[in-house]
Structure formats: C-alpha cells, structure tokens
N, C-alpha and C. Protein backbone atom coordinates (compact mmCIF):
# COMPACT_ATOMS: atom_id res chain seq x y z
N MET A 1 -18.37 12.28 -6.63
CA MET A 1 -17.07 11.46 -6.80
C MET A 1 -17.43 10.49 -6.46
N TYR A 2 -17.14 9.26 -7.07
CA TYR A 2 -17.32 7.63 -6.76
C TYR A 2 -15.97 7.15 -6.57
N ARG A 3 -15.78 6.75 -5.40
CA ARG A 3 -14.68 5.93 -5.03
C ARG A 3 -14.85 4.50 -4.19
N SER A 4 -14.09 3.63 -4.93
CA SER A 4 -14.46 2.01 -4.22
C SER A 4 -13.55 2.13 -2.83
N GLN A 5 -14.26 1.36 -1.72
CA GLN A 5 -13.80 1.21 -1.02
C GLN A 5 -13.13 -0.28 -1.14
N PRO A 6 -11.79 -0.37 -0.33
CA PRO A 6 -11.16 -1.70 -0.27
C PRO A 6 -11.79 -2.76 0.47
N VAL A 7 -12.04 -4.13 -0.56
CA VAL A 7 -12.73 -5.36 0.19
C VAL A 7 -11.69 -6.46 0.77
N LEU A 8 -11.74 -6.54 1.89
CA LEU A 8 -10.94 -7.72 2.27
C LEU A 8 -11.36 -8.67 2.87
N SER A 9 -10.81 -9.84 2.63
CA SER A 9 -11.42 -11.26 3.32
C SER A 9 -11.36 -11.22 4.70
N ALA A 10 -12.00 -12.57 5.46
CA ALA A 10 -11.82 -12.77 6.94
C ALA A 10 -10.41 -12.82 6.95
N SER A 11 -9.74 -13.43 6.08
CA SER A 11 -8.50 -14.75 6.14
C SER A 11 -7.57 -12.95 6.18
N GLN A 12 -7.53 -12.24 5.14
CA GLN A 12 -6.55 -11.13 5.03
C GLN A 12 -6.64 -10.54 6.31
N LEU A 13 -8.06 -10.09 6.96
CA LEU A 13 -8.18 -9.22 8.27
C LEU A 13 -7.20 -9.79 9.25
N THR A 14 -7.41 -11.03 9.41
CA THR A 14 -6.79 -11.97 10.36
C THR A 14 -5.52 -11.64 10.38
N ALA A 15 -4.98 -11.97 9.40
CA ALA A 15 -3.57 -11.92 8.91
C ALA A 15 -2.81 -10.40 9.28
N ILE A 16 -3.92 -9.25 8.67
CA ILE A 16 -2.96 -8.11 8.91
C ILE A 16 -3.44 -7.54 10.58
N HIS A 17 -4.36 -8.41 11.35
CA HIS A 17 -4.46 -8.08 12.85
C HIS A 17 -3.39 -9.06 13.61
N GLY A 18 -2.55 -9.87 13.05
CA GLY A 18 -1.50 -10.42 13.13
C GLY A 18 -0.10 -9.70 12.84
N LEU A 19 -0.15 -9.24 11.96
CA LEU A 19 0.74 -8.33 11.56
C LEU A 19 0.58 -7.26 12.80
N LEU A 20 -0.28 -6.37 12.62
CA LEU A 20 -0.37 -5.61 13.94
C LEU A 20 0.19 -5.94 15.45
N GLY A 21 -0.13 -7.16 15.51
CA GLY A 21 0.05 -7.62 17.13
C GLY A 21 1.14 -7.63 17.24
N GLN A 22 2.28 -8.10 15.75
CA GLN A 22 3.58 -8.42 16.13
C GLN A 22 4.37 -7.23 16.13
N LEU A 23 4.05 -5.92 15.29
CA LEU A 23 4.19 -4.82 15.94
C LEU A 23 4.22 -4.34 17.58
N SER A 24 2.70 -4.88 17.89
CA SER A 24 2.85 -4.24 19.34
C SER A 24 3.28 -5.31 20.48
N GLN A 25 4.29 -5.94 19.96
CA GLN A 25 5.43 -6.77 20.63
C GLN A 25 6.75 -6.23 21.06
N GLN A 26 6.57 -4.95 20.30
CA GLN A 26 8.01 -4.27 20.57
C GLN A 26 7.77 -3.41 21.36
N ALA A 27 9.01 -2.53 21.47
CA ALA A 27 9.02 -1.98 22.89
C ALA A 27 8.26 -0.74 22.82
N HIS A 28 7.56 -0.45 23.74
CA HIS A 28 6.92 1.17 23.61
C HIS A 28 6.22 0.94 22.42
N MET A 29 5.55 0.15 21.77
CA MET A 29 4.55 0.56 20.90
C MET A 29 3.42 0.99 21.68
N ARG A 30 2.74 2.08 21.03
CA ARG A 30 1.29 2.12 21.82
C ARG A 30 0.00 2.24 20.72
N CYS A 31 0.36 2.45 19.66
CA CYS A 31 -1.28 1.86 18.71
C CYS A 31 -0.47 1.69 17.42
N ALA A 32 -0.94 0.76 16.65
CA ALA A 32 -1.04 1.10 15.37
C ALA A 32 -2.35 0.67 14.38
N PHE A 33 -2.43 1.14 13.57
CA PHE A 33 -3.78 0.76 12.88
C PHE A 33 -3.66 0.85 11.18
N LEU A 34 -4.71 0.14 10.70
CA LEU A 34 -4.90 0.45 8.80
C LEU A 34 -6.18 0.66 8.63
N CYS A 35 -5.80 1.76 7.89
CA CYS A 35 -7.00 2.30 7.25
C CYS A 35 -6.95 3.01 5.63
N ASP A 36 -8.13 3.03 5.01
CA ASP A 36 -7.96 3.21 3.67
C ASP A 36 -8.39 4.98 3.62
N LEU A 37 -7.75 5.39 2.38
CA LEU A 37 -7.86 6.72 2.30
C LEU A 37 -9.25 7.62 2.42
N SER A 38 -10.12 6.98 2.89
CA SER A 38 -11.45 7.48 3.26
C SER A 38 -11.58 7.70 4.59
N GLY A 39 -10.66 7.13 5.53
CA GLY A 39 -10.54 7.06 6.45
C GLY A 39 -11.54 6.17 7.49
N GLN A 40 -12.14 5.05 6.68
CA GLN A 40 -12.32 3.67 7.21
C GLN A 40 -11.60 3.06 7.58
N GLU A 41 -11.38 2.70 9.13
CA GLU A 41 -10.40 1.65 9.91
C GLU A 41 -10.74 0.28 9.52
N LEU A 42 -9.43 -0.13 9.18
CA LEU A 42 -9.74 -1.80 8.73
C LEU A 42 -8.99 -2.52 9.81
N ALA A 43 -7.69 -2.28 10.50
CA ALA A 43 -7.58 -3.26 11.27
C ALA A 43 -6.73 -2.22 12.57
N SER A 44 -6.42 -2.80 13.93
CA SER A 44 -5.63 -1.99 14.59
C SER A 44 -5.39 -2.80 15.75
N TRP A 45 -4.32 -2.12 16.57
CA TRP A 45 -3.86 -2.60 17.75
C TRP A 45 -3.44 -1.26 18.77
N THR A 46 -4.03 -1.32 19.47
CA THR A 46 -4.04 -0.39 20.80
C THR A 46 -3.63 -0.66 22.43
N GLU A 47 -2.76 -0.11 22.97
CA GLU A 47 -3.06 -0.14 24.33
C GLU A 47 -3.77 0.24 25.15
N GLN A 48 -4.52 1.46 24.61
CA GLN A 48 -5.49 2.17 25.41
C GLN A 48 -6.95 1.72 24.89
N ALA A 49 -7.70 1.71 25.82
CA ALA A 49 -9.39 0.96 25.35
C ALA A 49 -10.34 1.87 24.78
N GLU A 50 -9.75 3.22 25.35
CA GLU A 50 -11.05 4.17 25.00
C GLU A 50 -10.60 4.82 23.91
N LEU A 51 -9.28 4.49 22.93
CA LEU A 51 -8.87 5.17 21.99
C LEU A 51 -10.03 5.36 20.98
N ASP A 52 -10.24 6.61 20.27
CA ASP A 52 -11.09 6.51 19.25
C ASP A 52 -10.77 6.20 17.93
N LEU A 53 -11.11 4.92 17.61
CA LEU A 53 -10.37 5.08 16.46
C LEU A 53 -10.82 5.15 15.02
N VAL A 54 -12.01 5.75 15.38
CA VAL A 54 -12.70 6.29 14.07
C VAL A 54 -12.18 7.47 13.54
N SER A 55 -12.43 8.11 14.49
CA SER A 55 -11.90 9.79 14.32
C SER A 55 -10.26 9.56 13.99
N LEU A 56 -9.23 8.97 14.59
CA LEU A 56 -8.24 8.59 14.84
C LEU A 56 -8.01 8.46 12.66
N ALA A 57 -8.78 7.47 12.55
CA ALA A 57 -8.52 6.97 11.26
C ALA A 57 -8.76 7.75 10.11
N ALA A 58 -9.97 8.76 10.39
CA ALA A 58 -10.26 9.66 9.76
C ALA A 58 -9.10 10.94 9.49
N LEU A 59 -8.52 11.10 10.47
CA LEU A 59 -7.58 12.13 10.94
C LEU A 59 -6.31 11.69 10.10
N ALA A 60 -6.27 10.68 10.63
CA ALA A 60 -4.70 9.96 9.74
C ALA A 60 -5.02 10.22 7.91
N ALA A 61 -6.03 9.74 7.62
CA ALA A 61 -6.15 9.57 6.12
C ALA A 61 -6.26 11.08 5.74
N GLY A 62 -6.84 12.34 6.22
CA GLY A 62 -6.90 13.66 6.16
C GLY A 62 -5.44 13.96 6.07
N ASP A 63 -4.89 13.68 6.65
CA ASP A 63 -3.42 14.09 7.37
C ASP A 63 -2.32 13.91 5.49
N LEU A 64 -2.43 12.37 5.68
CA LEU A 64 -1.71 12.42 4.27
C LEU A 64 -2.29 12.81 3.09
N MET A 65 -3.63 13.19 2.87
CA MET A 65 -4.49 13.36 1.87
C MET A 65 -3.66 14.81 1.86
N ALA A 66 -4.12 15.35 2.69
CA ALA A 66 -3.66 16.85 2.90
C ALA A 66 -2.15 17.12 2.51
N THR A 67 -1.16 16.59 2.87
CA THR A 67 -0.10 16.68 2.63
C THR A 67 0.39 16.40 0.97
N MET A 68 -0.12 15.27 0.70
CA MET A 68 -0.13 15.24 -0.84
C MET A 68 -0.71 16.70 -1.66
N GLU A 69 -1.70 16.80 -1.20
CA GLU A 69 -2.52 17.80 -2.02
C GLU A 69 -1.42 19.12 -1.98
N ILE A 70 -0.87 19.40 -1.03
CA ILE A 70 -0.08 20.63 -0.75
C ILE A 70 1.31 20.41 -1.39
N ALA A 71 1.80 19.25 -1.65
CA ALA A 71 2.82 18.80 -2.32
C ALA A 71 2.28 19.03 -3.82
N ARG A 72 1.20 18.84 -4.88
CA ARG A 72 0.82 19.01 -6.01
C ARG A 72 0.55 20.62 -6.26
N LEU A 73 0.16 21.44 -5.07
CA LEU A 73 -0.34 22.86 -5.26
C LEU A 73 0.95 23.32 -5.17
N LEU A 74 2.33 22.94 -5.01
CA LEU A 74 3.84 23.15 -4.68
C LEU A 74 4.04 23.22 -5.95
N GLY A 75 3.46 22.34 -7.24
CA GLY A 75 4.50 21.82 -8.50
C GLY A 75 5.09 20.44 -8.03
N GLY A 76 4.63 19.81 -7.13
CA GLY A 76 5.52 18.06 -7.22
C GLY A 76 4.16 17.19 -7.48
N LYS A 77 5.01 15.92 -7.50
CA LYS A 77 3.98 14.71 -7.32
C LYS A 77 2.87 14.72 -6.09
N ARG A 78 1.91 14.10 -6.08
CA ARG A 78 1.60 13.38 -5.11
C ARG A 78 1.61 11.86 -4.65
N ALA A 79 2.82 11.71 -3.88
CA ALA A 79 3.62 10.57 -4.09
C ALA A 79 4.31 10.79 -2.55
N CYS A 80 3.18 11.26 -1.42
CA CYS A 80 4.40 11.26 -0.44
C CYS A 80 4.08 9.64 0.72
N ASN A 81 5.03 9.62 0.81
CA ASN A 81 5.28 7.94 1.24
C ASN A 81 4.99 7.95 2.97
N MET A 82 5.57 8.95 3.64
CA MET A 82 5.69 8.56 5.26
C MET A 82 5.48 10.12 5.75
N ILE A 83 4.77 10.33 6.85
CA ILE A 83 5.01 11.66 7.52
C ILE A 83 5.23 11.13 9.08
N ILE A 84 6.18 12.29 9.77
CA ILE A 84 6.45 11.59 10.72
C ILE A 84 6.45 12.45 11.40
N GLN A 85 5.63 12.69 12.57
CA GLN A 85 5.39 13.93 13.52
C GLN A 85 5.91 13.79 14.97
N GLU A 86 6.84 14.07 15.50
CA GLU A 86 7.50 14.37 17.09
C GLU A 86 7.26 14.88 17.77
N HIS A 87 6.23 14.21 18.88
CA HIS A 87 5.51 15.05 20.09
C HIS A 87 6.30 14.83 21.04
N ASP A 88 5.93 15.53 22.30
CA ASP A 88 6.85 15.54 23.71
C ASP A 88 6.90 14.21 24.30
N GLU A 89 5.50 13.14 23.84
CA GLU A 89 5.43 11.92 24.84
C GLU A 89 5.80 11.00 23.52
N MET A 90 5.25 11.25 22.40
CA MET A 90 5.53 9.96 21.32
C MET A 90 5.58 10.54 19.97
N THR A 91 6.06 9.25 19.16
CA THR A 91 6.50 9.63 17.74
C THR A 91 5.22 8.98 17.28
N ILE A 92 4.59 9.49 16.15
CA ILE A 92 3.66 8.78 15.24
C ILE A 92 4.16 9.12 13.66
N LEU A 93 3.77 7.79 12.86
CA LEU A 93 4.29 8.00 11.51
C LEU A 93 3.18 7.17 11.11
N VAL A 94 2.59 8.20 9.91
CA VAL A 94 1.76 7.87 9.11
C VAL A 94 2.07 7.25 7.63
N SER A 95 1.81 5.98 7.38
CA SER A 95 2.74 5.83 6.14
C SER A 95 1.54 5.31 4.68
N ARG A 96 1.68 5.21 3.54
CA ARG A 96 1.02 4.72 2.61
C ARG A 96 1.45 3.38 2.56
N VAL A 97 0.78 2.57 2.39
CA VAL A 97 0.39 1.34 1.93
C VAL A 97 0.00 0.82 0.75
N GLY A 98 0.73 0.78 -0.39
CA GLY A 98 0.22 0.77 -1.71
C GLY A 98 -0.43 2.13 -2.09
N GLU A 99 -1.56 2.05 -2.88
CA GLU A 99 -1.92 3.39 -3.02
C GLU A 99 -2.96 3.99 -2.39
N GLY A 100 -3.80 3.18 -1.82
CA GLY A 100 -4.82 3.60 -1.28
C GLY A 100 -5.05 3.20 0.50
N LEU A 101 -3.64 2.63 1.13
CA LEU A 101 -3.94 2.42 2.37
C LEU A 101 -3.03 3.41 3.21
N VAL A 102 -3.26 3.18 4.68
CA VAL A 102 -2.80 4.16 5.43
C VAL A 102 -2.42 3.11 6.63
N LEU A 103 -1.26 3.39 7.06
CA LEU A 103 -0.61 2.85 8.36
C LEU A 103 -0.08 3.66 9.37
N LEU A 104 -0.84 3.69 10.34
CA LEU A 104 0.18 4.70 11.49
C LEU A 104 0.13 3.71 12.76
N ILE A 105 1.31 4.55 12.76
CA ILE A 105 1.96 3.72 14.22
C ILE A 105 2.45 4.89 15.31
N ALA A 106 2.56 4.40 16.52
CA ALA A 106 2.57 5.56 17.50
C ALA A 106 3.49 4.99 18.56
N THR A 107 4.45 5.44 18.85
CA THR A 107 5.95 4.81 19.61
C THR A 107 5.95 6.06 20.60
N ALA A 108 6.35 5.59 22.20
CA ALA A 108 7.01 6.18 23.01
C ALA A 108 8.45 7.07 22.53
N VAL A 109 8.62 8.38 22.63
CA VAL A 109 9.44 9.44 22.51
C VAL A 109 11.01 8.69 22.38
N ASP A 110 10.94 7.35 23.17
CA ASP A 110 12.96 7.28 23.17
C ASP A 110 12.78 6.24 22.14
N VAL A 111 12.04 5.96 21.65
CA VAL A 111 12.24 4.41 20.52
C VAL A 111 13.01 5.44 19.48
N PRO A 112 13.85 4.47 18.79
CA PRO A 112 14.61 5.34 17.70
C PRO A 112 13.72 5.78 16.50
N ILE A 113 13.67 6.54 16.05
CA ILE A 113 13.41 6.79 14.87
C ILE A 113 13.41 5.93 13.50
N GLY A 114 14.65 5.77 13.42
CA GLY A 114 15.19 4.80 12.13
C GLY A 114 14.81 3.41 12.33
N TRP A 115 14.20 2.93 13.66
CA TRP A 115 13.97 1.47 14.52
C TRP A 115 12.41 1.73 13.52
N SER A 116 11.71 2.82 13.83
CA SER A 116 10.08 2.60 13.68
C SER A 116 10.04 2.88 12.04
N ARG A 117 10.80 3.72 11.76
CA ARG A 117 10.29 4.22 9.78
C ARG A 117 10.57 3.02 9.60
N LEU A 118 11.71 1.72 10.08
CA LEU A 118 12.05 0.38 9.30
C LEU A 118 10.64 -0.13 9.99
N ALA A 119 10.09 -0.26 10.93
CA ALA A 119 8.77 -1.46 11.23
C ALA A 119 7.98 -1.08 10.42
N VAL A 120 7.81 0.66 10.27
CA VAL A 120 6.46 0.78 9.66
C VAL A 120 6.42 0.43 7.95
N LYS A 121 7.90 0.42 7.28
CA LYS A 121 8.03 -0.13 6.23
C LYS A 121 7.89 -1.42 6.07
N ARG A 122 8.46 -2.03 6.83
CA ARG A 122 8.38 -3.74 6.75
C ARG A 122 6.61 -4.16 6.79
N THR A 123 6.73 -3.64 7.59
CA THR A 123 4.82 -4.11 8.34
C THR A 123 4.10 -3.59 6.90
N GLY A 124 4.15 -2.47 6.35
CA GLY A 124 3.43 -2.21 5.01
C GLY A 124 3.83 -2.62 3.67
N GLU A 125 4.83 -3.72 3.74
CA GLU A 125 5.28 -4.36 2.82
C GLU A 125 4.68 -5.68 2.70
N ARG A 126 4.59 -6.39 3.97
CA ARG A 126 3.76 -7.65 4.34
C ARG A 126 2.34 -7.24 4.11
N ILE A 127 1.83 -6.26 4.45
CA ILE A 127 0.35 -5.85 4.27
C ILE A 127 0.20 -5.86 2.98
N LEU A 128 1.00 -5.43 1.96
CA LEU A 128 0.60 -5.33 0.46
C LEU A 128 0.89 -6.99 0.13
N GLU A 129 1.47 -7.69 0.61
CA GLU A 129 1.61 -8.91 0.66
C GLU A 129 0.52 -9.65 0.97
N VAL A 130 -0.15 -9.44 1.57
CA VAL A 130 -1.65 -9.85 2.38
C VAL A 130 -2.74 -9.51 1.41
N VAL A 131 -3.03 -8.33 0.93
CA VAL A 131 -3.79 -7.43 0.51
C VAL A 131 -3.82 -7.47 -1.16
N GLY A 132 -2.87 -6.96 -1.54
CA GLY A 132 -2.91 -7.32 -3.00
C GLY A 132 -3.32 -6.30 -3.61
N THR A 133 -4.01 -6.54 -4.65
CA THR A 133 -4.66 -5.16 -5.34
C THR A 133 -5.69 -4.57 -4.81
N ALA A 134 -5.95 -4.74 -3.90
CA ALA A 134 -7.15 -4.24 -2.64
C ALA A 134 -6.42 -3.09 -2.01
N ALA A 135 -4.77 -2.76 -2.37
CA ALA A 135 -4.04 -1.53 -1.90
C ALA A 135 -4.13 -0.60 -2.71
N MET A 136 -4.17 -1.18 -3.83
CA MET A 136 -3.82 -0.60 -5.27
C MET A 136 -4.64 0.76 -6.04
N THR A 137 -5.77 1.26 -5.44
CA THR A 137 -6.75 2.29 -5.62
C THR A 137 -6.08 3.59 -5.43
N PRO A 138 -5.89 4.29 -6.58
CA PRO A 138 -5.06 5.95 -5.91
C PRO A 138 -6.29 6.73 -5.49
N PRO A 139 -5.40 7.61 -4.75
CA PRO A 139 -5.83 8.15 -4.03
C PRO A 139 -6.85 9.45 -5.29
N PRO A 140 -7.92 10.12 -4.90
CA PRO A 140 -8.28 10.77 -5.61
C PRO A 140 -8.32 12.25 -5.53
N LEU A 141 -8.24 12.87 -6.19
CA LEU A 141 -7.90 14.63 -6.27
C LEU A 141 -8.70 15.00 -4.92
N VAL A 142 -7.94 15.90 -4.40
CA VAL A 142 -8.82 16.49 -3.46
C VAL A 142 -10.09 17.58 -3.75
N MET A 143 -9.49 18.63 -5.04
CA MET A 143 -10.20 19.63 -5.63
C MET A 143 -9.54 19.55 -7.56
N SER A 144 -10.39 19.30 -7.98
CA SER A 144 -10.36 19.53 -9.25
C SER A 144 -10.10 21.01 -9.71
N ASP A 145 -9.50 21.00 -10.66
CA ASP A 145 -9.43 22.60 -11.19
C ASP A 145 -10.94 23.04 -11.85
N ASP A 146 -11.38 22.10 -12.50
CA ASP A 146 -12.89 22.44 -12.78
C ASP A 146 -13.54 22.34 -11.60
N PHE A 147 -13.60 21.88 -10.45
CA PHE A 147 -14.24 21.80 -9.49
C PHE A 147 -14.12 23.25 -9.01
N VAL A 148 -12.83 23.89 -8.69
CA VAL A 148 -12.61 25.33 -8.13
C VAL A 148 -13.23 26.20 -8.83
N ALA A 149 -13.28 25.88 -10.39
CA ALA A 149 -13.40 27.36 -11.38
C ALA A 149 -15.09 27.45 -10.93
N SER A 150 -15.90 25.84 -10.92
CA SER A 150 -17.29 26.12 -10.84
C SER A 150 -17.69 26.59 -9.52
N PHE A 151 -17.15 26.29 -8.63
CA PHE A 151 -17.21 26.60 -7.39
C PHE A 151 -17.08 28.11 -7.32
N ASN A 152 -16.00 28.75 -7.77
CA ASN A 152 -15.82 30.24 -7.66
C ASN A 152 -16.82 30.70 -8.23
N ALA A 153 -17.30 30.53 -9.66
CA ALA A 153 -18.55 31.07 -10.65
C ALA A 153 -19.52 31.05 -10.38
N GLN A 154 -19.97 29.58 -9.13
CA GLN A 154 -21.20 29.80 -8.40
C GLN A 154 -21.42 30.61 -7.11
N ILE A 155 -20.07 31.11 -6.75
CA ILE A 155 -20.06 31.84 -5.50
C ILE A 155 -20.55 33.56 -5.97
N ASP A 156 -19.47 33.81 -7.57
CA ASP A 156 -19.94 34.84 -7.97
C ASP A 156 -20.99 35.20 -8.18
N ASN A 157 -21.89 34.04 -8.95
CA ASN A 157 -23.61 34.27 -9.01
C ASN A 157 -24.05 34.65 -8.04
N ILE A 158 -23.62 33.79 -6.95
CA ILE A 158 -24.66 34.53 -5.75
C ILE A 158 -24.51 35.83 -5.33
N TRP A 159 -23.64 36.38 -5.35
CA TRP A 159 -23.20 37.24 -4.79
C TRP A 159 -23.89 38.58 -6.05
C-alpha cells in the first residue's frame, strides 16, 4: 500500500521545535515529540540524551494505529484523538494532530492530567497552524477485509 510521507520545510521544522521547546519549559516535562503515522520522527525535545527516539516514534504511531483499529473492529469509527497512559513514575499522552501526525508528551506523574491534556491540545493546534495540509493525510486501514480474505485463502492453499 502506498502512503505519502509529510514533507515539512526547514522553517516549519524550526517552528515545531520551538513549540516543543515551549512545552519543555513546563514543570516536570520529560519529553515531547512529533512523528507521522508511519513512525517517522519529525521533531523532538527530551531531557534524556540516550533516548531511542526512532523506536519511540514507531511505537507511539503503532499504539495510536492499534487503538484506532480496535475501535474499527468493535464497530466504531477510527477517530481516536488521545491515549493516556498512567505509569508509576510518569504520564504519557499520545495524541493525533490532524489526520496523519502524532504528538507524544511524557510528564512526571505529579503533573495534573488536565494540564497535560490541555498542553497537548493547544500544542497540537499550533502545530496544525504551522504544517497545514501536511497533517491531513488520513491513516491507512491496518488490514482491509479483502486482504484478510486473500491471506486466509493463501494459507488454506498451503495446507
């Protein structure tokens, strides 16, 4: 399946880095990054130099895509806008920006969840203003019904 990647200019990336830098000024922020739904990291800020952003971006995009697919399989729409993970030491928020981008922030556990949600929402809106239509490529279906039927038929042919 062909899926185009967002193309952002140097000035757009600089603006996004600035927005993530503003988030980093908030109390107890651990990291913030933007990626596309294929897991390609576009911009980031982190307090941990050794953080594996490539893996983190791929996992965040996969988490959001998996959640949207679960909703589809349960008969809902593929419109998940935010995932909140509460861990012992931190809270992680994964949010869709437009149709095709993912924003993740991680804060210390003592940061109020309402503040974190508002920060993600406002930052996502500002990112949309910067990137415009580059964020509007909708996510692909994980597996279409035709693919599943063809795959099952091929497996049956093998046996």
